[in-house]
């Protein structure tokens, strides 16, 4: 089972994105994260090849870091 989620964020730069990526992957090593900060929506894509993504917990990590995140359709 593969689960993929795509979000709009306001992550401002690659240093912040890298820090968020490290935190999430430290808690959820089965997830792979990709930021596209060149996109106007500062897109975050999360992929889990083996299970469902634990979305509420991941969203809380980003929000607790002071950034907004919302699902993209």
N, C-alpha and C. Protein backbone atom coordinates (compact mmCIF):
# COMPACT_ATOMS: atom_id res chain seq x y z
N UNK A 1 0.84 -1.17 0.00
CA UNK A 1 0.00 0.00 0.00
C UNK A 1 0.89 1.24 0.00
N UNK A 2 0.59 2.19 -0.85
CA UNK A 2 1.34 3.44 -0.92
C UNK A 2 0.37 4.58 -0.63
N UNK A 3 0.77 5.48 0.27
CA UNK A 3 -0.06 6.62 0.62
C UNK A 3 0.72 7.88 0.27
N UNK A 4 0.07 8.82 -0.44
CA UNK A 4 0.69 10.06 -0.85
C UNK A 4 -0.22 11.21 -0.45
N UNK A 5 0.35 12.22 0.18
CA UNK A 5 -0.39 13.42 0.57
C UNK A 5 0.37 14.64 0.04
N UNK A 6 -0.40 15.64 -0.42
CA UNK A 6 0.19 16.86 -0.95
C UNK A 6 -0.45 18.05 -0.25
N UNK A 7 0.41 19.00 0.19
CA UNK A 7 -0.04 20.13 1.00
C UNK A 7 0.51 21.46 0.49
N UNK A 8 -0.25 22.49 0.76
CA UNK A 8 0.19 23.87 0.59
C UNK A 8 0.74 24.32 1.94
N UNK A 9 1.92 24.96 1.93
CA UNK A 9 2.53 25.43 3.17
C UNK A 9 2.97 26.89 3.00
N UNK A 10 3.49 27.44 4.08
CA UNK A 10 4.14 28.75 4.00
C UNK A 10 5.59 28.65 4.49
N UNK A 11 6.19 27.49 4.31
CA UNK A 11 7.59 27.28 4.68
C UNK A 11 8.44 28.22 3.82
N UNK A 12 9.24 29.10 4.44
CA UNK A 12 9.86 30.18 3.68
C UNK A 12 11.16 29.85 2.93
N UNK A 13 11.89 28.83 3.41
CA UNK A 13 13.19 28.59 2.77
C UNK A 13 13.66 27.15 2.99
N UNK A 14 14.78 26.83 2.34
CA UNK A 14 15.28 25.46 2.39
C UNK A 14 15.80 25.06 3.77
N UNK A 15 16.32 26.00 4.53
CA UNK A 15 16.79 25.67 5.88
C UNK A 15 15.64 25.22 6.76
N UNK A 16 14.53 25.93 6.71
CA UNK A 16 13.35 25.55 7.49
C UNK A 16 12.81 24.22 6.98
N UNK A 17 12.73 24.07 5.66
CA UNK A 17 12.23 22.82 5.08
C UNK A 17 13.08 21.64 5.52
N UNK A 18 14.39 21.81 5.54
CA UNK A 18 15.28 20.74 5.96
C UNK A 18 15.06 20.38 7.42
N UNK A 19 14.89 21.37 8.26
CA UNK A 19 14.64 21.13 9.68
C UNK A 19 13.33 20.38 9.89
N UNK A 20 12.29 20.79 9.19
CA UNK A 20 10.99 20.11 9.29
C UNK A 20 11.11 18.68 8.79
N UNK A 21 11.80 18.50 7.67
CA UNK A 21 11.98 17.16 7.11
C UNK A 21 12.69 16.24 8.11
N UNK A 22 13.73 16.74 8.74
CA UNK A 22 14.47 15.94 9.73
C UNK A 22 13.58 15.56 10.92
N UNK A 23 12.79 16.50 11.40
CA UNK A 23 11.91 16.23 12.53
C UNK A 23 10.88 15.17 12.18
N UNK A 24 10.25 15.33 11.03
CA UNK A 24 9.21 14.37 10.64
C UNK A 24 9.82 13.00 10.38
N UNK A 25 10.93 12.96 9.68
CA UNK A 25 11.54 11.65 9.40
C UNK A 25 12.13 11.02 10.64
N UNK A 26 12.48 11.81 11.64
CA UNK A 26 12.93 11.26 12.91
C UNK A 26 11.80 10.55 13.64
N UNK A 27 10.58 11.08 13.50
CA UNK A 27 9.40 10.48 14.13
C UNK A 27 8.72 9.45 13.25
N UNK A 28 8.84 9.61 11.95
CA UNK A 28 8.18 8.73 10.98
C UNK A 28 9.17 8.34 9.88
N UNK A 29 10.14 7.48 10.20
CA UNK A 29 11.19 7.16 9.23
C UNK A 29 10.68 6.47 7.97
N UNK A 30 9.47 5.96 8.01
CA UNK A 30 8.91 5.30 6.83
C UNK A 30 8.42 6.30 5.78
N UNK A 31 8.37 7.58 6.14
CA UNK A 31 7.88 8.61 5.22
C UNK A 31 9.04 9.28 4.49
N UNK A 32 8.78 9.65 3.25
CA UNK A 32 9.70 10.45 2.45
C UNK A 32 9.02 11.77 2.17
N UNK A 33 9.74 12.88 2.35
CA UNK A 33 9.18 14.21 2.16
C UNK A 33 9.90 14.95 1.06
N UNK A 34 9.13 15.70 0.28
CA UNK A 34 9.67 16.53 -0.79
C UNK A 34 9.04 17.91 -0.67
N UNK A 35 9.85 18.95 -0.56
CA UNK A 35 9.37 20.32 -0.59
C UNK A 35 9.66 20.90 -1.97
N UNK A 36 8.69 21.62 -2.52
CA UNK A 36 8.90 22.41 -3.74
C UNK A 36 8.65 23.86 -3.37
N UNK A 37 9.69 24.53 -2.91
CA UNK A 37 9.55 25.90 -2.46
C UNK A 37 9.52 26.89 -3.61
N UNK A 38 9.80 26.44 -4.82
CA UNK A 38 9.71 27.30 -6.00
C UNK A 38 8.25 27.45 -6.44
N UNK A 39 7.42 26.48 -6.09
CA UNK A 39 5.99 26.54 -6.40
C UNK A 39 5.35 27.63 -5.56
N UNK A 40 4.37 28.33 -6.10
CA UNK A 40 3.72 29.42 -5.35
C UNK A 40 3.03 28.93 -4.09
N UNK A 41 2.68 27.63 -4.03
CA UNK A 41 2.02 27.04 -2.86
C UNK A 41 3.01 26.42 -1.88
N UNK A 42 4.31 26.56 -2.13
CA UNK A 42 5.34 25.99 -1.24
C UNK A 42 4.97 24.55 -0.88
N UNK A 43 4.81 23.74 -1.91
CA UNK A 43 4.23 22.41 -1.80
C UNK A 43 5.11 21.45 -0.98
N UNK A 44 4.44 20.68 -0.15
CA UNK A 44 5.05 19.57 0.58
C UNK A 44 4.35 18.29 0.12
N UNK A 45 5.13 17.33 -0.32
CA UNK A 45 4.60 16.01 -0.71
C UNK A 45 5.18 14.99 0.25
N UNK A 46 4.29 14.17 0.81
CA UNK A 46 4.70 13.12 1.74
C UNK A 46 4.30 11.78 1.15
N UNK A 47 5.24 10.85 1.12
CA UNK A 47 5.01 9.52 0.57
C UNK A 47 5.35 8.49 1.63
N UNK A 48 4.45 7.52 1.79
CA UNK A 48 4.73 6.37 2.64
C UNK A 48 4.44 5.13 1.80
N UNK A 49 5.47 4.38 1.49
CA UNK A 49 5.36 3.22 0.61
C UNK A 49 4.72 2.01 1.29
N UNK A 50 4.69 2.00 2.64
CA UNK A 50 4.29 0.78 3.34
C UNK A 50 3.01 0.88 4.15
N UNK A 51 2.55 2.10 4.46
CA UNK A 51 1.38 2.24 5.33
C UNK A 51 0.73 3.60 5.12
N UNK A 52 -0.37 3.82 5.82
CA UNK A 52 -1.02 5.11 5.77
C UNK A 52 -0.17 6.16 6.48
N UNK A 53 -0.20 7.37 5.96
CA UNK A 53 0.50 8.48 6.58
C UNK A 53 -0.30 8.92 7.81
N UNK A 54 0.40 9.12 8.90
CA UNK A 54 -0.26 9.56 10.14
C UNK A 54 -0.40 11.08 10.09
N UNK A 55 -1.35 11.48 9.28
CA UNK A 55 -1.52 12.88 8.91
C UNK A 55 -1.69 13.84 10.09
N UNK A 56 -2.58 13.60 11.05
CA UNK A 56 -2.75 14.58 12.13
C UNK A 56 -1.46 14.87 12.89
N UNK A 57 -0.67 13.85 13.12
CA UNK A 57 0.58 14.03 13.86
C UNK A 57 1.59 14.82 13.05
N UNK A 58 1.66 14.56 11.77
CA UNK A 58 2.59 15.29 10.91
C UNK A 58 2.17 16.75 10.78
N UNK A 59 0.87 16.99 10.61
CA UNK A 59 0.38 18.36 10.51
C UNK A 59 0.67 19.13 11.80
N UNK A 60 0.53 18.48 12.94
CA UNK A 60 0.83 19.12 14.22
C UNK A 60 2.30 19.52 14.32
N UNK A 61 3.19 18.69 13.83
CA UNK A 61 4.62 19.02 13.86
C UNK A 61 4.86 20.32 13.11
N UNK A 62 4.28 20.44 11.93
CA UNK A 62 4.49 21.64 11.12
C UNK A 62 3.84 22.86 11.77
N UNK A 63 2.63 22.70 12.23
CA UNK A 63 1.93 23.83 12.87
C UNK A 63 2.62 24.24 14.16
N UNK A 64 3.11 23.30 14.93
CA UNK A 64 3.83 23.62 16.17
C UNK A 64 5.17 24.28 15.89
N UNK A 65 5.66 24.14 14.68
CA UNK A 65 6.89 24.82 14.26
C UNK A 65 6.59 26.25 13.82
N UNK A 66 5.31 26.62 13.77
CA UNK A 66 4.92 27.99 13.44
C UNK A 66 4.54 28.22 11.99
N UNK A 67 4.29 27.15 11.25
CA UNK A 67 3.98 27.29 9.83
C UNK A 67 2.59 26.72 9.54
N UNK A 68 1.99 27.24 8.47
CA UNK A 68 0.67 26.77 8.10
C UNK A 68 0.79 25.64 7.09
N UNK A 69 -0.22 24.80 7.09
CA UNK A 69 -0.27 23.68 6.14
C UNK A 69 -1.72 23.32 5.91
N UNK A 70 -2.05 23.09 4.64
CA UNK A 70 -3.41 22.67 4.30
C UNK A 70 -3.35 21.73 3.10
N UNK A 71 -4.24 20.74 3.06
CA UNK A 71 -4.23 19.79 1.96
C UNK A 71 -4.54 20.47 0.62
N UNK A 72 -3.89 20.01 -0.40
CA UNK A 72 -4.22 20.42 -1.77
C UNK A 72 -5.09 19.33 -2.39
N UNK A 73 -6.07 19.73 -3.17
CA UNK A 73 -6.95 18.70 -3.79
C UNK A 73 -6.23 17.90 -4.84
